[in-house]
N, C-alpha and C. Protein backbone atom coordinates (compact mmCIF):
# COMPACT_ATOMS: atom_id res chain seq x y z
N MET A 1 41.41 -28.98 20.88
CA MET A 1 42.53 -28.04 19.43
C MET A 1 40.71 -27.54 18.68
N ARG A 2 40.72 -28.88 18.48
CA ARG A 2 39.91 -28.49 16.77
C ARG A 2 38.04 -27.78 17.87
N ARG A 3 37.64 -28.82 18.76
CA ARG A 3 36.93 -28.00 19.41
C ARG A 3 36.53 -26.08 20.19
N CYS A 4 38.24 -26.04 19.93
CA CYS A 4 38.56 -24.34 19.99
C CYS A 4 38.07 -24.17 19.05
N LEU A 5 38.68 -24.11 17.67
CA LEU A 5 38.56 -24.00 16.58
C LEU A 5 37.10 -23.24 16.32
N ILE A 6 36.40 -24.69 16.19
CA ILE A 6 34.82 -24.24 15.75
C ILE A 6 33.79 -24.04 16.72
N ALA A 7 34.85 -23.73 17.70
CA ALA A 7 33.83 -23.02 19.09
C ALA A 7 33.84 -21.24 18.21
N ILE A 8 35.75 -20.70 18.14
CA ILE A 8 35.43 -19.96 18.05
C ILE A 8 35.18 -18.89 16.20
N LEU A 9 35.06 -20.02 14.67
CA LEU A 9 34.57 -20.04 14.23
C LEU A 9 32.69 -19.82 14.43
N VAL A 10 32.18 -20.43 15.39
CA VAL A 10 30.71 -20.35 15.13
C VAL A 10 30.69 -18.52 16.20
N PHE A 11 31.77 -18.69 16.89
CA PHE A 11 31.01 -17.10 18.18
C PHE A 11 31.13 -15.91 16.70
N THR A 12 32.60 -16.28 15.46
CA THR A 12 32.61 -14.94 14.55
C THR A 12 31.53 -14.61 13.94
N MET A 13 31.21 -16.21 13.70
CA MET A 13 30.01 -15.98 12.54
C MET A 13 28.58 -15.16 13.37
N LEU A 14 28.26 -15.55 14.32
CA LEU A 14 26.93 -14.91 15.00
C LEU A 14 28.33 -13.51 15.33
N PHE A 15 28.56 -13.00 15.81
CA PHE A 15 29.60 -11.25 15.94
C PHE A 15 28.84 -10.53 14.71
N LEU A 16 29.39 -11.39 13.34
CA LEU A 16 29.13 -10.96 12.29
C LEU A 16 28.03 -10.98 11.93
N SER A 17 26.90 -11.81 11.60
CA SER A 17 25.69 -11.83 11.31
C SER A 17 24.76 -10.58 12.62
N ALA A 18 25.64 -10.23 13.61
CA ALA A 18 25.20 -9.43 14.59
C ALA A 18 25.08 -8.25 14.20
N CYS A 19 26.05 -7.90 13.76
CA CYS A 19 26.53 -6.74 13.04
C CYS A 19 26.15 -6.20 11.91
N ALA A 20 25.58 -7.26 11.05
CA ALA A 20 25.17 -6.90 9.65
C ALA A 20 23.69 -6.79 10.26
N LYS A 21 22.93 -6.72 10.67
CA LYS A 21 21.55 -6.75 11.67
C LYS A 21 21.48 -5.74 12.27
N SER A 22 22.40 -5.29 12.39
CA SER A 22 22.33 -3.88 13.09
C SER A 22 23.26 -2.48 12.24
N GLY A 23 23.57 -3.63 11.09
CA GLY A 23 23.63 -2.11 10.34
C GLY A 23 22.70 -1.72 8.94
N GLN A 24 22.07 -2.44 9.31
CA GLN A 24 20.95 -2.42 8.41
C GLN A 24 19.71 -1.89 8.89
N LYS A 25 19.72 -2.22 10.36
CA LYS A 25 18.66 -1.32 11.05
C LYS A 25 19.05 -0.11 11.39
N ASN A 26 20.15 0.35 11.29
CA ASN A 26 20.92 1.72 10.98
C ASN A 26 20.03 2.45 9.95
N GLU A 27 20.71 1.81 8.96
CA GLU A 27 19.96 2.33 7.86
C GLU A 27 19.00 2.39 7.52
N LEU A 28 18.78 1.66 8.85
CA LEU A 28 16.15 1.94 7.62
C LEU A 28 15.70 3.27 9.31
N GLN A 29 16.69 3.36 9.90
CA GLN A 29 15.88 4.73 10.82
C GLN A 29 15.91 5.70 10.67
N PRO A 30 16.88 5.61 9.62
CA PRO A 30 16.02 7.38 8.98
C PRO A 30 14.64 7.18 7.89
N ALA A 31 14.26 5.99 7.44
CA ALA A 31 13.13 5.49 7.12
C ALA A 31 12.08 5.97 7.30
N MET A 32 12.08 5.50 8.96
CA MET A 32 11.39 5.34 10.29
C MET A 32 11.10 6.04 11.39
N ASP A 33 11.87 7.00 10.83
CA ASP A 33 11.92 8.29 11.92
C ASP A 33 10.87 9.52 10.93
N PHE A 34 11.24 9.24 9.72
CA PHE A 34 11.01 9.90 8.52
C PHE A 34 9.09 9.61 8.93
N ARG A 35 8.64 8.05 8.61
CA ARG A 35 7.74 7.77 9.09
C ARG A 35 6.44 8.61 10.58
N ALA A 36 7.44 8.06 11.37
CA ALA A 36 6.89 8.98 12.08
C ALA A 36 6.77 10.39 12.49
N LYS A 37 7.71 10.92 12.22
CA LYS A 37 6.97 12.83 11.91
C LYS A 37 6.07 12.86 11.03
N LEU A 38 5.71 11.92 9.84
CA LEU A 38 4.38 12.28 9.35
C LEU A 38 2.74 12.03 9.59
N LEU A 39 3.61 11.15 10.94
CA LEU A 39 2.02 10.18 11.38
C LEU A 39 1.74 11.15 12.11
N ASN A 40 3.11 11.16 13.22
CA ASN A 40 2.86 12.68 14.34
C ASN A 40 1.79 14.11 13.76
N ALA A 41 2.89 14.55 12.91
CA ALA A 41 2.12 15.57 12.02
C ALA A 41 1.05 16.21 12.02
N GLY A 42 0.61 14.28 11.69
CA GLY A 42 -1.02 14.74 10.57
C GLY A 42 -0.28 14.65 8.88
N GLY A 43 0.16 14.26 8.29
CA GLY A 43 0.59 14.44 6.93
C GLY A 43 1.53 16.22 6.95
N ALA A 44 1.44 16.01 5.19
CA ALA A 44 2.64 17.03 4.90
C ALA A 44 1.61 18.04 3.83
N CYS A 45 2.77 19.46 3.49
CA CYS A 45 2.43 20.52 2.70
C CYS A 45 3.67 20.21 1.35
N PHE A 46 3.31 20.10 0.16
CA PHE A 46 4.67 20.33 -0.93
C PHE A 46 4.44 20.51 -2.22
N THR A 47 5.42 20.76 -3.03
CA THR A 47 5.18 21.41 -4.04
C THR A 47 5.95 20.07 -5.08
N ALA A 48 5.50 19.79 -6.04
CA ALA A 48 5.70 18.02 -6.46
C ALA A 48 5.25 18.71 -8.73
N GLU A 49 6.71 18.82 -8.82
CA GLU A 49 7.20 18.82 -10.19
C GLU A 49 6.46 17.89 -11.03
N VAL A 50 5.90 17.20 -11.33
CA VAL A 50 5.82 15.46 -11.54
C VAL A 50 6.10 15.89 -12.87
N THR A 51 6.68 14.12 -14.08
CA THR A 51 6.31 14.04 -15.14
C THR A 51 6.01 12.42 -15.58
N ALA A 52 4.99 12.72 -15.85
CA ALA A 52 4.09 11.56 -16.75
C ALA A 52 4.90 10.99 -18.07
N ASP A 53 4.91 9.38 -17.76
CA ASP A 53 5.37 8.86 -19.34
C ASP A 53 4.82 7.90 -19.59
N TYR A 54 4.33 7.90 -20.43
CA TYR A 54 3.26 7.44 -21.13
C TYR A 54 4.43 6.32 -22.55
N GLY A 55 5.12 6.44 -22.40
CA GLY A 55 5.98 5.94 -23.68
C GLY A 55 6.06 7.04 -25.04
N GLU A 56 4.84 7.51 -26.09
CA GLU A 56 5.04 8.06 -26.52
C GLU A 56 5.32 9.35 -26.61
N GLU A 57 4.37 10.04 -25.40
CA GLU A 57 4.25 11.23 -24.54
C GLU A 57 4.41 11.44 -23.63
N VAL A 58 5.24 12.44 -22.77
CA VAL A 58 5.71 12.65 -21.45
C VAL A 58 5.05 14.13 -21.09
N TYR A 59 4.57 13.78 -19.85
CA TYR A 59 3.94 15.32 -19.79
C TYR A 59 4.07 15.71 -18.28
N THR A 60 4.64 17.20 -18.67
CA THR A 60 5.32 17.37 -16.95
C THR A 60 4.00 19.30 -16.48
N PHE A 61 3.76 18.20 -15.18
CA PHE A 61 3.32 19.93 -15.07
C PHE A 61 3.55 19.63 -12.86
N THR A 62 3.48 20.71 -12.60
CA THR A 62 3.59 21.48 -10.90
C THR A 62 2.55 20.95 -10.45
N LEU A 63 2.47 20.10 -9.56
CA LEU A 63 0.79 20.77 -8.07
C LEU A 63 1.11 21.38 -6.84
N ASP A 64 0.70 22.01 -6.22
CA ASP A 64 0.58 21.74 -4.86
C ASP A 64 -0.40 20.92 -4.29
N CYS A 65 0.54 20.17 -3.28
CA CYS A 65 -0.20 19.10 -2.75
C CYS A 65 -0.69 19.67 -0.74
N ARG A 66 -1.66 18.57 -0.52
CA ARG A 66 -1.06 19.28 0.84
C ARG A 66 -2.00 17.21 0.90
N TYR A 67 -1.04 16.35 1.48
CA TYR A 67 -1.74 15.27 2.63
C TYR A 67 -1.20 15.48 3.09
N VAL A 68 -2.45 14.62 4.04
CA VAL A 68 -2.84 14.21 5.41
C VAL A 68 -3.48 12.83 5.44
N THR A 69 -2.99 12.18 6.76
CA THR A 69 -2.41 11.16 6.95
C THR A 69 -4.58 10.06 6.74
N ASP A 70 -5.21 10.81 6.80
CA ASP A 70 -5.91 10.06 7.25
C ASP A 70 -6.81 10.07 5.97
N GLY A 71 -6.23 9.71 4.96
CA GLY A 71 -6.11 9.92 3.41
C GLY A 71 -6.87 10.75 2.14
N THR A 72 -6.65 11.68 2.13
CA THR A 72 -6.94 13.15 1.57
C THR A 72 -6.26 13.69 0.94
N THR A 73 -5.37 13.83 -0.25
CA THR A 73 -4.88 14.75 -0.62
C THR A 73 -5.69 15.68 -0.94
N GLU A 74 -5.44 17.07 -1.22
CA GLU A 74 -5.46 18.56 -2.04
C GLU A 74 -4.86 19.04 -3.36
N ILE A 75 -4.99 18.56 -4.39
CA ILE A 75 -4.05 19.94 -5.29
C ILE A 75 -4.52 20.29 -5.82
N THR A 76 -3.80 21.34 -6.10
CA THR A 76 -3.88 22.82 -6.94
C THR A 76 -2.66 22.08 -8.32
N VAL A 77 -3.19 22.68 -9.50
CA VAL A 77 -2.35 22.50 -10.45
C VAL A 77 -2.02 24.61 -10.79
N THR A 78 0.07 24.48 -10.96
CA THR A 78 0.29 26.02 -11.18
C THR A 78 1.02 26.02 -12.21
N THR A 79 1.07 24.97 -12.90
CA THR A 79 2.10 24.39 -14.04
C THR A 79 1.74 23.85 -14.93
N PRO A 80 1.78 23.58 -16.45
CA PRO A 80 1.54 24.08 -17.20
C PRO A 80 0.19 25.68 -17.57
N ASP A 81 0.44 27.13 -17.58
CA ASP A 81 -0.44 27.61 -17.26
C ASP A 81 -1.60 28.13 -17.69
N THR A 82 -1.67 27.14 -19.23
CA THR A 82 -3.18 26.84 -19.63
C THR A 82 -4.12 25.46 -18.71
N LEU A 83 -3.26 24.88 -17.35
CA LEU A 83 -4.70 24.07 -16.11
C LEU A 83 -4.03 24.72 -15.49
N SER A 84 -3.03 25.69 -14.69
CA SER A 84 -3.16 26.83 -13.64
C SER A 84 -4.78 26.65 -13.07
N GLY A 85 -3.95 26.32 -11.46
CA GLY A 85 -5.28 26.66 -10.90
C GLY A 85 -6.79 26.07 -10.41
N ILE A 86 -6.80 24.47 -11.22
CA ILE A 86 -7.60 23.71 -11.51
C ILE A 86 -6.75 22.81 -10.25
N GLN A 87 -8.02 22.65 -9.28
CA GLN A 87 -7.76 22.07 -8.07
C GLN A 87 -8.44 20.05 -8.00
N ALA A 88 -8.26 19.75 -6.98
CA ALA A 88 -8.14 18.27 -7.37
C ALA A 88 -8.74 17.43 -5.13
N GLN A 89 -9.49 16.70 -5.56
CA GLN A 89 -9.47 16.20 -4.46
C GLN A 89 -9.57 14.80 -3.81
N ILE A 90 -8.22 13.82 -3.82
CA ILE A 90 -8.42 12.42 -3.88
C ILE A 90 -8.85 11.82 -2.31
N GLU A 91 -9.18 11.19 -2.59
CA GLU A 91 -9.82 10.40 -1.74
C GLU A 91 -9.43 8.61 -1.50
N ASN A 92 -8.79 8.27 -0.77
CA ASN A 92 -8.29 6.88 -0.70
C ASN A 92 -8.97 5.95 -0.02
N ASP A 93 -9.66 6.12 0.71
CA ASP A 93 -10.41 5.18 0.76
C ASP A 93 -11.72 5.39 -0.41
N THR A 94 -12.49 6.01 -1.14
CA THR A 94 -13.09 5.77 -2.08
C THR A 94 -12.26 5.74 -3.51
N GLY A 95 -10.61 5.84 -4.08
CA GLY A 95 -10.65 6.01 -4.52
C GLY A 95 -10.79 6.74 -5.67
N ARG A 96 -11.85 8.04 -5.33
CA ARG A 96 -12.32 8.82 -6.23
C ARG A 96 -11.36 10.19 -6.93
N LEU A 97 -11.23 9.99 -7.45
CA LEU A 97 -10.60 11.62 -7.97
C LEU A 97 -11.21 12.87 -8.50
N THR A 98 -11.52 13.55 -7.36
CA THR A 98 -12.57 14.84 -7.90
C THR A 98 -12.27 16.45 -7.83
N PHE A 99 -12.76 16.56 -9.48
CA PHE A 99 -11.73 17.88 -9.78
C PHE A 99 -12.96 18.98 -9.85
N PHE A 100 -12.33 19.82 -9.66
CA PHE A 100 -13.82 21.77 -9.22
C PHE A 100 -13.35 22.09 -10.73
N ASP A 101 -14.22 21.89 -11.27
CA ASP A 101 -14.80 23.43 -11.86
C ASP A 101 -14.40 23.06 -13.59
N THR A 102 -13.92 22.12 -13.43
CA THR A 102 -12.98 21.81 -14.48
C THR A 102 -12.35 19.77 -14.91
N GLU A 103 -12.13 19.39 -15.33
CA GLU A 103 -11.78 18.41 -15.99
C GLU A 103 -10.93 17.86 -16.78
N LEU A 104 -9.97 17.23 -16.24
CA LEU A 104 -8.63 16.74 -16.77
C LEU A 104 -8.63 16.06 -17.74
N THR A 105 -7.95 14.92 -18.79
CA THR A 105 -8.09 13.64 -18.96
C THR A 105 -6.72 13.53 -18.99
N PHE A 106 -5.85 13.01 -18.14
CA PHE A 106 -4.73 12.09 -18.47
C PHE A 106 -5.08 10.59 -17.98
N GLY A 107 -4.63 10.03 -19.29
CA GLY A 107 -5.33 8.33 -19.56
C GLY A 107 -4.40 7.87 -17.78
N THR A 108 -4.56 6.62 -17.76
CA THR A 108 -4.04 5.88 -16.42
C THR A 108 -2.62 5.40 -16.45
N LEU A 109 -1.81 5.11 -15.91
CA LEU A 109 -0.45 4.41 -15.89
C LEU A 109 -0.33 3.02 -15.64
N ALA A 110 0.20 2.26 -15.31
CA ALA A 110 1.28 1.35 -14.83
C ALA A 110 -0.69 0.24 -14.93
N ASP A 111 -0.88 -0.53 -16.39
CA ASP A 111 -2.00 -0.82 -16.24
C ASP A 111 -3.67 -0.74 -15.22
N GLY A 112 -3.38 0.43 -15.30
CA GLY A 112 -4.42 1.49 -14.53
C GLY A 112 -4.20 1.20 -13.18
N ASN A 113 -3.34 1.53 -12.75
CA ASN A 113 -3.08 1.18 -11.32
C ASN A 113 -3.10 3.05 -10.30
N ILE A 114 -2.58 3.75 -11.51
CA ILE A 114 -2.05 5.39 -10.98
C ILE A 114 -2.52 6.12 -12.08
N THR A 115 -2.48 6.99 -11.49
CA THR A 115 -2.61 8.44 -12.80
C THR A 115 -1.59 10.01 -12.22
N PRO A 116 -1.25 10.32 -13.41
CA PRO A 116 -0.21 11.16 -12.27
C PRO A 116 -0.78 11.94 -11.59
N LEU A 117 -2.06 12.88 -11.31
CA LEU A 117 -2.32 13.98 -10.86
C LEU A 117 -2.52 13.17 -9.02
N SER A 118 -2.43 11.79 -8.92
CA SER A 118 -2.93 11.16 -8.31
C SER A 118 -1.56 10.77 -7.56
N ALA A 119 -0.67 11.47 -7.88
CA ALA A 119 0.81 11.15 -7.71
C ALA A 119 1.39 10.91 -6.31
N PRO A 120 0.74 13.00 -5.71
CA PRO A 120 1.35 13.38 -4.36
C PRO A 120 0.15 11.78 -3.52
N ALA A 121 -0.96 11.25 -4.02
CA ALA A 121 -1.31 10.79 -2.64
C ALA A 121 -0.91 9.37 -2.36
N VAL A 122 -0.61 8.77 -3.92
CA VAL A 122 0.06 7.85 -3.69
C VAL A 122 1.50 7.98 -3.03
N LEU A 123 2.12 8.12 -3.19
CA LEU A 123 3.62 8.88 -2.53
C LEU A 123 3.45 9.36 -0.92
N GLY A 124 2.21 10.23 -0.78
CA GLY A 124 2.05 10.00 0.61
C GLY A 124 1.32 8.82 1.28
N ARG A 125 1.12 8.39 0.67
CA ARG A 125 0.59 6.55 1.55
C ARG A 125 1.51 5.72 1.58
N VAL A 126 2.15 5.07 0.59
CA VAL A 126 3.50 5.41 0.28
C VAL A 126 4.70 5.23 1.63
N TRP A 127 4.95 6.93 1.93
CA TRP A 127 5.43 7.18 2.82
C TRP A 127 4.88 6.72 4.07
N GLN A 128 3.07 6.70 4.51
CA GLN A 128 2.88 6.32 5.77
C GLN A 128 2.70 4.81 6.35
N SER A 129 2.82 3.94 4.76
CA SER A 129 2.36 2.54 5.52
C SER A 129 2.79 1.38 3.97
N ALA A 130 4.01 1.74 3.27
CA ALA A 130 4.54 0.95 2.94
C ALA A 130 5.38 0.11 3.31
N TYR A 131 5.90 -0.33 2.31
CA TYR A 131 6.70 -1.71 3.37
C TYR A 131 8.26 -0.89 3.00
N ILE A 132 8.81 -0.60 3.76
CA ILE A 132 10.34 -0.43 3.52
C ILE A 132 11.29 -1.61 3.12
N ALA A 133 11.63 -1.45 2.01
CA ALA A 133 12.12 -2.53 1.08
C ALA A 133 13.63 -2.46 0.81
N ALA A 134 14.25 -0.97 1.08
CA ALA A 134 15.87 -1.32 1.05
C ALA A 134 16.01 0.40 1.51
N SER A 135 16.65 0.59 1.83
CA SER A 135 17.09 1.99 2.64
C SER A 135 18.64 2.12 2.18
N GLY A 136 19.74 3.46 2.15
CA GLY A 136 20.96 3.08 1.73
C GLY A 136 21.58 4.73 1.44
N LYS A 137 22.82 5.57 1.06
CA LYS A 137 22.71 6.50 1.03
C LYS A 137 23.31 6.29 -0.38
N GLU A 138 23.15 7.82 -1.06
CA GLU A 138 23.50 7.63 -2.02
C GLU A 138 24.11 9.33 -3.00
N ASP A 139 25.41 9.42 -3.05
CA ASP A 139 25.26 10.32 -3.13
C ASP A 139 26.20 10.69 -1.70
N ASN A 140 25.55 12.35 -1.49
CA ASN A 140 25.01 12.77 -0.71
C ASN A 140 23.70 12.97 0.14
N ASN A 141 22.91 11.55 -0.57
CA ASN A 141 21.11 11.90 -0.12
C ASN A 141 21.44 10.37 0.33
N LEU A 142 19.95 10.02 1.19
CA LEU A 142 19.29 8.72 1.46
C LEU A 142 18.23 8.50 0.03
N ARG A 143 18.33 7.28 0.06
CA ARG A 143 17.58 6.77 -1.26
C ARG A 143 16.59 5.26 -0.01
N VAL A 144 15.66 5.38 -0.31
CA VAL A 144 14.36 4.37 0.56
C VAL A 144 13.78 3.92 0.03
N SER A 145 13.74 2.17 -0.61
CA SER A 145 12.98 2.45 -1.61
C SER A 145 11.56 1.10 -0.73
N TYR A 146 10.31 1.72 -0.79
CA TYR A 146 9.23 1.31 -0.71
C TYR A 146 7.94 0.12 -1.74
N GLU A 147 7.91 -0.36 -1.33
CA GLU A 147 6.82 -1.49 -2.55
C GLU A 147 5.11 -1.58 -2.19
N ASP A 148 4.42 -0.92 -2.69
CA ASP A 148 2.93 -0.39 -2.83
C ASP A 148 2.36 -1.61 -3.32
N GLY A 149 1.70 -2.60 -2.79
CA GLY A 149 0.39 -3.19 -2.68
C GLY A 149 1.12 -4.76 -2.84
N TYR A 150 0.68 -5.74 -3.95
CA TYR A 150 0.94 -7.07 -4.56
C TYR A 150 0.94 -7.56 -5.75
N GLY A 151 1.65 -8.46 -6.08
CA GLY A 151 1.36 -8.77 -6.97
C GLY A 151 1.25 -8.19 -8.40
N ALA A 152 0.39 -8.03 -9.30
CA ALA A 152 -0.08 -7.82 -11.00
C ALA A 152 0.08 -6.18 -10.23
N ASP A 153 -0.37 -5.79 -8.94
CA ASP A 153 -0.78 -4.64 -8.92
C ASP A 153 0.35 -3.34 -8.15
N GLN A 154 1.09 -4.26 -7.81
CA GLN A 154 3.17 -3.75 -7.01
C GLN A 154 3.01 -2.61 -7.32
N LEU A 155 3.21 -1.55 -6.67
CA LEU A 155 4.05 -0.48 -7.36
C LEU A 155 5.25 -0.31 -6.74
N LEU A 156 6.53 0.45 -7.15
CA LEU A 156 7.08 0.20 -6.33
C LEU A 156 7.89 1.91 -6.65
N ALA A 157 8.41 2.69 -5.35
CA ALA A 157 8.31 4.79 -5.13
C ALA A 157 9.98 4.03 -4.28
N ASP A 158 10.79 5.14 -5.46
CA ASP A 158 11.95 5.17 -5.11
C ASP A 158 11.66 6.54 -4.40
N THR A 159 12.11 6.89 -2.73
CA THR A 159 12.15 8.45 -2.11
C THR A 159 13.78 9.14 -1.75
N TRP A 160 14.63 10.12 -2.71
CA TRP A 160 15.55 10.26 -1.99
C TRP A 160 15.39 11.61 -1.36
N PHE A 161 15.99 11.04 0.64
CA PHE A 161 15.97 12.72 1.39
C PHE A 161 17.35 13.50 1.27
N THR A 162 17.20 14.17 1.63
CA THR A 162 18.67 14.94 1.70
C THR A 162 18.56 14.49 3.63
N GLN A 163 19.76 15.04 3.83
CA GLN A 163 20.50 14.52 4.74
C GLN A 163 19.64 15.09 6.15
N LYS A 164 19.14 15.96 6.00
CA LYS A 164 18.02 16.69 7.02
C LYS A 164 16.61 15.65 7.46
N GLY A 165 16.81 14.87 6.25
CA GLY A 165 15.71 14.12 6.46
C GLY A 165 14.45 14.83 5.77
N ILE A 166 14.94 15.23 4.80
CA ILE A 166 13.36 15.82 3.74
C ILE A 166 13.41 15.64 2.58
N PRO A 167 12.10 14.83 1.83
CA PRO A 167 12.11 14.48 0.35
C PRO A 167 11.86 15.31 -0.38
N ILE A 168 13.66 14.88 -1.44
CA ILE A 168 13.21 15.70 -2.36
C ILE A 168 13.14 15.29 -3.75
N TYR A 169 13.33 14.56 -4.42
CA TYR A 169 12.93 13.36 -5.70
C TYR A 169 12.40 12.21 -4.89
N ALA A 170 11.40 11.94 -6.07
CA ALA A 170 10.63 10.12 -6.02
C ALA A 170 10.84 9.75 -7.77
N GLU A 171 10.07 8.23 -7.90
CA GLU A 171 10.33 8.02 -8.29
C GLU A 171 9.21 6.57 -8.93
N ILE A 172 8.25 6.64 -8.77
CA ILE A 172 7.03 5.58 -8.81
C ILE A 172 7.49 4.66 -10.05
N CYS A 173 7.39 2.95 -9.82
CA CYS A 173 7.49 2.03 -11.10
C CYS A 173 6.34 1.22 -11.10
N TYR A 174 6.04 0.54 -12.23
CA TYR A 174 5.38 -0.58 -12.23
C TYR A 174 5.89 -1.18 -13.95
N ASN A 175 6.29 -2.64 -13.39
CA ASN A 175 6.94 -3.44 -13.88
C ASN A 175 8.16 -3.19 -14.52
N GLU A 176 9.48 -2.82 -13.61
CA GLU A 176 10.37 -2.47 -13.78
C GLU A 176 10.53 -1.19 -14.43
N THR A 177 9.34 -0.69 -14.82
CA THR A 177 9.66 1.18 -15.89
C THR A 177 9.18 2.08 -15.27
N CYS A 178 9.84 3.19 -15.03
CA CYS A 178 9.37 4.32 -14.07
C CYS A 178 8.41 5.36 -15.05
N VAL A 179 7.00 4.93 -14.61
CA VAL A 179 6.13 6.37 -14.65
C VAL A 179 5.79 6.93 -14.77
N LEU A 180 6.70 7.57 -13.38
CA LEU A 180 6.83 9.19 -12.77
C LEU A 180 7.61 9.37 -11.95
N LYS A 181 7.69 10.57 -12.33
CA LYS A 181 9.17 11.28 -11.58
C LYS A 181 8.49 12.33 -10.67
N LEU A 182 8.82 12.98 -9.58
CA LEU A 182 8.31 14.04 -8.47
C LEU A 182 9.51 14.10 -8.13
N THR A 183 9.40 15.75 -8.58
CA THR A 183 10.97 16.47 -8.03
C THR A 183 10.44 17.88 -7.12
N ILE A 184 10.15 17.62 -5.34
CA ILE A 184 9.32 18.01 -5.13
C ILE A 184 10.25 18.65 -4.42
N SER A 185 9.97 20.18 -3.75
CA SER A 185 10.12 21.00 -2.73
C SER A 185 9.38 22.23 -2.32
N ASP A 186 9.40 22.59 -0.91
CA ASP A 186 8.87 23.23 -0.38
C ASP A 186 8.47 22.22 0.39
N PHE A 187 9.02 21.52 0.79
CA PHE A 187 8.34 19.80 1.83
C PHE A 187 8.56 21.10 3.51
N SER A 188 6.66 20.71 3.76
CA SER A 188 6.85 21.11 5.68
C SER A 188 5.65 19.95 6.17
N PHE A 189 5.91 19.42 7.05
CA PHE A 189 5.33 18.39 7.91
C PHE A 189 3.50 19.38 8.50
N LEU A 190 2.82 19.71 8.25
CA LEU A 190 1.51 20.04 8.80
C LEU A 190 1.77 20.54 10.02
N LYS A 191 2.35 19.32 11.16
CA LYS A 191 2.37 20.24 12.24
C LYS A 191 3.48 20.23 12.50
N GLU A 192 4.34 21.16 12.81
CA GLU A 192 6.00 20.74 12.85
C GLU A 192 5.69 20.28 15.01
N GLY A 193 7.13 19.13 15.50
CA GLY A 193 6.78 18.76 16.42
C GLY A 193 7.85 17.40 16.96
C-alpha cells in the first residue's frame, strides 16, 4: 500500500512538472514566433517616440527607423521640429553612430552602454538575438523580457506586443533603472511572408 502511494505521488509530481514546462514553453512561443518573422523578413520598419531619462533632464523625440538584421539601423528624426530631418546610420559591428550633415549631442546612458538615438538599434538586436528571460500576459498584451549582454554591461529590455504580435511599447533598463522608453507605431516587417 505504501509503495502504491509513493508511486502515485511520484507520478503526480512528474505529471505536474511536465505541465509546468509545457505551459512555460507556450508562453515563450509568441516571442519565438516574432523573432522568426523578424529574421525571415530581414528586419523591420517602425516609428519610435523615444523618451530618454537622464535623471535631471528628460528628452523626448520621434524617430523613423529601419532595422536590418545584418546589423544596420537607419533613423530619421521627425520631432521636435528643431531636429527634424537629421539622419543617422548605426552599424552594430563597429558600434559607430554616423550623422549626416549635423551632429546631435546627447550624452550616453547606462554607464556609456547606450545613447538615445541608438535605442532602435539596441531594440532590434534584442528582438533578434537577446536571451528571452520571461514572457507572459499583461492586461490584453504580451510582455516579453530580454537580457542583452552580461555583468556590468547588461541591459534589460521589456517589449509589449499586441495580441497579433506587433510591438507597441518597450523599456530599456540598466541597473534596475529605466533609461529609455519607446512607444512604437507603424510597425512592419521588411518582407511580409
